[in-house]
N, C-alpha and C. Protein backbone atom coordinates (compact mmCIF):
# COMPACT_ATOMS: atom_id res chain seq x y z
N MET A 1 26.01 29.97 -14.26
CA MET A 1 25.46 30.04 -12.91
C MET A 1 24.55 31.26 -12.80
N ARG A 2 23.40 31.08 -12.22
CA ARG A 2 22.41 32.15 -12.10
C ARG A 2 22.73 33.08 -10.93
N TRP A 3 22.22 34.30 -11.02
CA TRP A 3 22.32 35.27 -9.95
C TRP A 3 21.07 35.17 -9.08
N THR A 4 21.20 35.46 -7.81
CA THR A 4 20.06 35.55 -6.90
C THR A 4 19.71 37.02 -6.76
N VAL A 5 18.45 37.37 -7.06
CA VAL A 5 18.00 38.76 -6.99
C VAL A 5 16.96 38.86 -5.88
N THR A 6 17.26 39.69 -4.88
CA THR A 6 16.33 39.91 -3.77
C THR A 6 15.83 41.35 -3.83
N VAL A 7 14.74 41.58 -3.13
CA VAL A 7 14.17 42.92 -3.02
C VAL A 7 14.24 43.31 -1.55
N ARG A 8 14.73 44.51 -1.30
CA ARG A 8 14.82 45.00 0.06
C ARG A 8 13.45 44.88 0.73
N ARG A 9 13.44 44.37 1.94
CA ARG A 9 12.19 44.08 2.64
C ARG A 9 11.27 45.30 2.74
N SER A 10 11.83 46.45 3.01
CA SER A 10 11.03 47.66 3.16
C SER A 10 10.40 48.12 1.85
N LEU A 11 10.83 47.57 0.75
CA LEU A 11 10.36 47.97 -0.57
C LEU A 11 9.10 47.23 -1.02
N HIS A 12 8.80 46.09 -0.44
CA HIS A 12 7.67 45.27 -0.88
C HIS A 12 6.34 46.03 -0.87
N LYS A 13 6.07 46.77 0.18
CA LYS A 13 4.82 47.51 0.30
C LYS A 13 4.72 48.59 -0.78
N ASN A 14 5.82 49.28 -1.05
CA ASN A 14 5.83 50.34 -2.06
C ASN A 14 5.64 49.78 -3.46
N ILE A 15 6.15 48.59 -3.73
CA ILE A 15 6.02 47.99 -5.06
C ILE A 15 4.56 47.73 -5.37
N ARG A 16 3.79 47.30 -4.39
CA ARG A 16 2.37 47.03 -4.62
C ARG A 16 1.59 48.29 -4.99
N LYS A 17 2.12 49.46 -4.62
CA LYS A 17 1.45 50.73 -4.92
C LYS A 17 1.80 51.26 -6.31
N LEU A 18 2.80 50.68 -6.96
CA LEU A 18 3.21 51.14 -8.28
C LEU A 18 2.18 50.72 -9.33
N PRO A 19 2.11 51.45 -10.45
CA PRO A 19 1.21 51.03 -11.54
C PRO A 19 1.57 49.62 -12.02
N GLN A 20 0.58 48.90 -12.50
CA GLN A 20 0.78 47.50 -12.92
C GLN A 20 1.85 47.37 -13.99
N LYS A 21 1.90 48.32 -14.93
CA LYS A 21 2.91 48.28 -15.99
C LYS A 21 4.32 48.37 -15.41
N VAL A 22 4.49 49.17 -14.39
CA VAL A 22 5.80 49.33 -13.75
C VAL A 22 6.14 48.08 -12.95
N GLN A 23 5.17 47.50 -12.26
CA GLN A 23 5.40 46.25 -11.53
C GLN A 23 5.84 45.15 -12.49
N ASN A 24 5.18 45.06 -13.65
CA ASN A 24 5.54 44.05 -14.64
C ASN A 24 6.96 44.27 -15.16
N ALA A 25 7.33 45.53 -15.37
CA ALA A 25 8.69 45.83 -15.84
C ALA A 25 9.72 45.44 -14.79
N LEU A 26 9.40 45.66 -13.51
CA LEU A 26 10.32 45.29 -12.44
C LEU A 26 10.51 43.77 -12.37
N VAL A 27 9.43 43.03 -12.52
CA VAL A 27 9.52 41.56 -12.54
C VAL A 27 10.39 41.11 -13.72
N ALA A 28 10.18 41.72 -14.88
CA ALA A 28 10.98 41.37 -16.06
C ALA A 28 12.46 41.69 -15.83
N LEU A 29 12.74 42.84 -15.19
CA LEU A 29 14.12 43.22 -14.90
C LEU A 29 14.76 42.21 -13.95
N LYS A 30 14.03 41.81 -12.90
CA LYS A 30 14.56 40.82 -11.96
C LYS A 30 14.89 39.51 -12.67
N LYS A 31 14.00 39.04 -13.53
CA LYS A 31 14.24 37.79 -14.26
C LYS A 31 15.44 37.93 -15.19
N ASP A 32 15.57 39.08 -15.83
CA ASP A 32 16.70 39.33 -16.72
C ASP A 32 18.01 39.32 -15.94
N MET A 33 18.02 39.94 -14.76
CA MET A 33 19.24 39.97 -13.95
C MET A 33 19.58 38.59 -13.40
N GLU A 34 18.58 37.77 -13.09
CA GLU A 34 18.86 36.41 -12.62
C GLU A 34 19.63 35.60 -13.65
N VAL A 35 19.28 35.80 -14.91
CA VAL A 35 19.91 35.03 -15.98
C VAL A 35 21.20 35.69 -16.48
N ASN A 36 21.16 37.01 -16.68
CA ASN A 36 22.25 37.71 -17.35
C ASN A 36 23.14 38.57 -16.46
N GLY A 37 22.81 38.69 -15.17
CA GLY A 37 23.64 39.47 -14.27
C GLY A 37 23.20 40.91 -14.13
N PRO A 38 23.91 41.68 -13.31
CA PRO A 38 23.50 43.03 -12.95
C PRO A 38 23.77 44.11 -13.99
N ILE A 39 24.65 43.88 -14.92
CA ILE A 39 24.98 44.89 -15.93
C ILE A 39 23.97 44.78 -17.06
N ARG A 40 22.98 45.66 -17.06
CA ARG A 40 21.85 45.56 -17.99
C ARG A 40 21.84 46.72 -18.97
N GLY A 41 22.83 46.78 -19.82
CA GLY A 41 22.94 47.84 -20.81
C GLY A 41 21.83 47.85 -21.83
N ASP A 42 21.04 46.78 -21.91
CA ASP A 42 19.95 46.71 -22.87
C ASP A 42 18.64 47.29 -22.31
N TRP A 43 18.66 47.80 -21.06
CA TRP A 43 17.49 48.44 -20.47
C TRP A 43 17.61 49.95 -20.63
N PRO A 44 16.47 50.66 -20.75
CA PRO A 44 16.50 52.12 -21.00
C PRO A 44 17.23 52.89 -19.90
N ASN A 45 18.10 53.79 -20.32
CA ASN A 45 18.83 54.68 -19.44
C ASN A 45 19.61 53.96 -18.35
N PHE A 46 20.11 52.77 -18.65
CA PHE A 46 20.95 52.04 -17.70
C PHE A 46 22.22 52.83 -17.47
N SER A 47 22.63 52.92 -16.20
CA SER A 47 23.93 53.53 -15.91
C SER A 47 24.43 53.03 -14.55
N ALA A 48 25.73 53.12 -14.40
CA ALA A 48 26.35 52.77 -13.13
C ALA A 48 26.29 53.99 -12.23
N LEU A 49 26.02 53.76 -10.97
CA LEU A 49 26.06 54.81 -9.97
C LEU A 49 27.32 54.59 -9.13
N SER A 50 27.42 55.19 -7.99
CA SER A 50 28.62 55.02 -7.17
C SER A 50 28.74 53.59 -6.63
N GLY A 51 29.95 53.13 -6.51
CA GLY A 51 30.20 51.79 -5.98
C GLY A 51 29.65 50.70 -6.86
N ASN A 52 28.95 49.76 -6.28
CA ASN A 52 28.36 48.64 -7.02
C ASN A 52 26.88 48.86 -7.29
N ARG A 53 26.44 50.11 -7.40
CA ARG A 53 25.03 50.43 -7.64
C ARG A 53 24.79 50.75 -9.11
N TYR A 54 23.60 50.36 -9.57
CA TYR A 54 23.21 50.59 -10.96
C TYR A 54 21.75 51.02 -10.98
N HIS A 55 21.33 51.63 -12.08
CA HIS A 55 19.92 51.99 -12.21
C HIS A 55 19.49 51.94 -13.66
N CYS A 56 18.17 51.85 -13.87
CA CYS A 56 17.59 51.96 -15.21
C CYS A 56 16.16 52.45 -15.07
N HIS A 57 15.58 52.87 -16.18
CA HIS A 57 14.20 53.33 -16.18
C HIS A 57 13.27 52.15 -16.41
N LEU A 58 12.20 52.08 -15.63
CA LEU A 58 11.17 51.07 -15.81
C LEU A 58 10.06 51.60 -16.70
N LYS A 59 9.83 52.92 -16.65
CA LYS A 59 8.82 53.58 -17.47
C LYS A 59 9.27 55.01 -17.71
N LYS A 60 9.30 55.39 -18.98
CA LYS A 60 9.65 56.76 -19.33
C LYS A 60 8.41 57.63 -19.28
N GLY A 61 8.58 58.91 -19.43
CA GLY A 61 7.46 59.83 -19.42
C GLY A 61 7.37 60.55 -18.10
N HIS A 62 6.16 61.02 -17.80
CA HIS A 62 5.99 61.74 -16.54
C HIS A 62 4.87 61.11 -15.75
N PRO A 63 5.11 60.54 -14.60
CA PRO A 63 6.42 60.46 -13.96
C PRO A 63 7.25 59.32 -14.51
N THR A 64 8.55 59.47 -14.42
CA THR A 64 9.48 58.41 -14.82
C THR A 64 9.70 57.51 -13.60
N TYR A 65 9.64 56.20 -13.82
CA TYR A 65 9.88 55.24 -12.75
C TYR A 65 11.23 54.57 -12.98
N VAL A 66 11.99 54.41 -11.90
CA VAL A 66 13.33 53.82 -11.98
C VAL A 66 13.47 52.68 -10.98
N ALA A 67 14.46 51.85 -11.24
CA ALA A 67 14.87 50.81 -10.29
C ALA A 67 16.35 51.01 -10.01
N ILE A 68 16.72 50.82 -8.76
CA ILE A 68 18.13 50.91 -8.35
C ILE A 68 18.48 49.61 -7.65
N TRP A 69 19.61 49.04 -8.02
CA TRP A 69 20.05 47.79 -7.39
C TRP A 69 21.54 47.85 -7.16
N GLU A 70 22.00 46.95 -6.29
CA GLU A 70 23.43 46.88 -6.03
C GLU A 70 23.87 45.44 -5.90
N ILE A 71 25.12 45.22 -6.24
CA ILE A 71 25.71 43.89 -6.11
C ILE A 71 26.13 43.74 -4.65
N ARG A 72 25.55 42.77 -3.97
CA ARG A 72 25.87 42.52 -2.57
C ARG A 72 27.07 41.60 -2.41
N ASN A 73 27.18 40.62 -3.31
CA ASN A 73 28.28 39.67 -3.20
C ASN A 73 28.54 39.07 -4.58
N LYS A 74 29.71 39.34 -5.15
CA LYS A 74 30.03 38.82 -6.49
C LYS A 74 30.33 37.33 -6.47
N GLU A 75 30.89 36.82 -5.39
CA GLU A 75 31.25 35.42 -5.33
C GLU A 75 30.02 34.50 -5.34
N ILE A 76 29.01 34.87 -4.55
CA ILE A 76 27.81 34.03 -4.53
C ILE A 76 26.72 34.59 -5.45
N ARG A 77 27.06 35.64 -6.19
CA ARG A 77 26.17 36.23 -7.19
C ARG A 77 24.85 36.69 -6.58
N LEU A 78 24.93 37.67 -5.70
CA LEU A 78 23.76 38.19 -5.02
C LEU A 78 23.54 39.65 -5.38
N ILE A 79 22.33 39.97 -5.86
CA ILE A 79 21.93 41.32 -6.23
C ILE A 79 20.73 41.69 -5.36
N GLU A 80 20.69 42.94 -4.87
CA GLU A 80 19.53 43.40 -4.11
C GLU A 80 18.95 44.65 -4.75
N VAL A 81 17.66 44.61 -5.05
CA VAL A 81 16.96 45.80 -5.55
C VAL A 81 16.69 46.66 -4.33
N ILE A 82 17.19 47.89 -4.33
CA ILE A 82 17.07 48.74 -3.15
C ILE A 82 16.04 49.85 -3.33
N TYR A 83 15.59 50.11 -4.57
CA TYR A 83 14.59 51.15 -4.80
C TYR A 83 13.86 50.88 -6.10
N ALA A 84 12.56 51.12 -6.07
CA ALA A 84 11.74 51.11 -7.28
C ALA A 84 10.66 52.15 -7.05
N GLY A 85 10.62 53.15 -7.89
CA GLY A 85 9.64 54.22 -7.73
C GLY A 85 9.93 55.36 -8.66
N THR A 86 9.39 56.52 -8.33
CA THR A 86 9.55 57.67 -9.22
C THR A 86 10.98 58.20 -9.19
N HIS A 87 11.35 58.79 -10.28
CA HIS A 87 12.70 59.34 -10.45
C HIS A 87 12.96 60.46 -9.44
N GLU A 88 11.93 61.23 -9.12
CA GLU A 88 12.11 62.38 -8.22
C GLU A 88 12.53 61.98 -6.82
N LYS A 89 12.09 60.80 -6.34
CA LYS A 89 12.38 60.37 -4.99
C LYS A 89 13.52 59.37 -4.91
N ALA A 90 14.18 59.10 -6.01
CA ALA A 90 15.24 58.09 -6.05
C ALA A 90 16.44 58.50 -5.19
N PRO A 91 16.96 57.58 -4.41
CA PRO A 91 18.11 57.87 -3.53
C PRO A 91 19.45 57.73 -4.26
N TYR A 92 19.74 58.65 -5.14
CA TYR A 92 20.99 58.59 -5.90
C TYR A 92 22.14 58.92 -5.00
């Protein structure tokens, strides 16, 4: 059964401002999570944060871009991406 991956509504505008390479990485991450679920240990610097939140790097270097997502509902398999942007502004 596939997971449903949504992006927080307030994040759509910010995603369009990201570099194209980072946008492509975010799309690839979403597709990977739809098929394989939220635990993405095969992505760079993947780690669990507090609660049901996780993060990984979309682009290394300076600046580093990260994505943060959380499991909204395990029964219906719902994941929401809550942040995509630079590491410095990430809401850890």
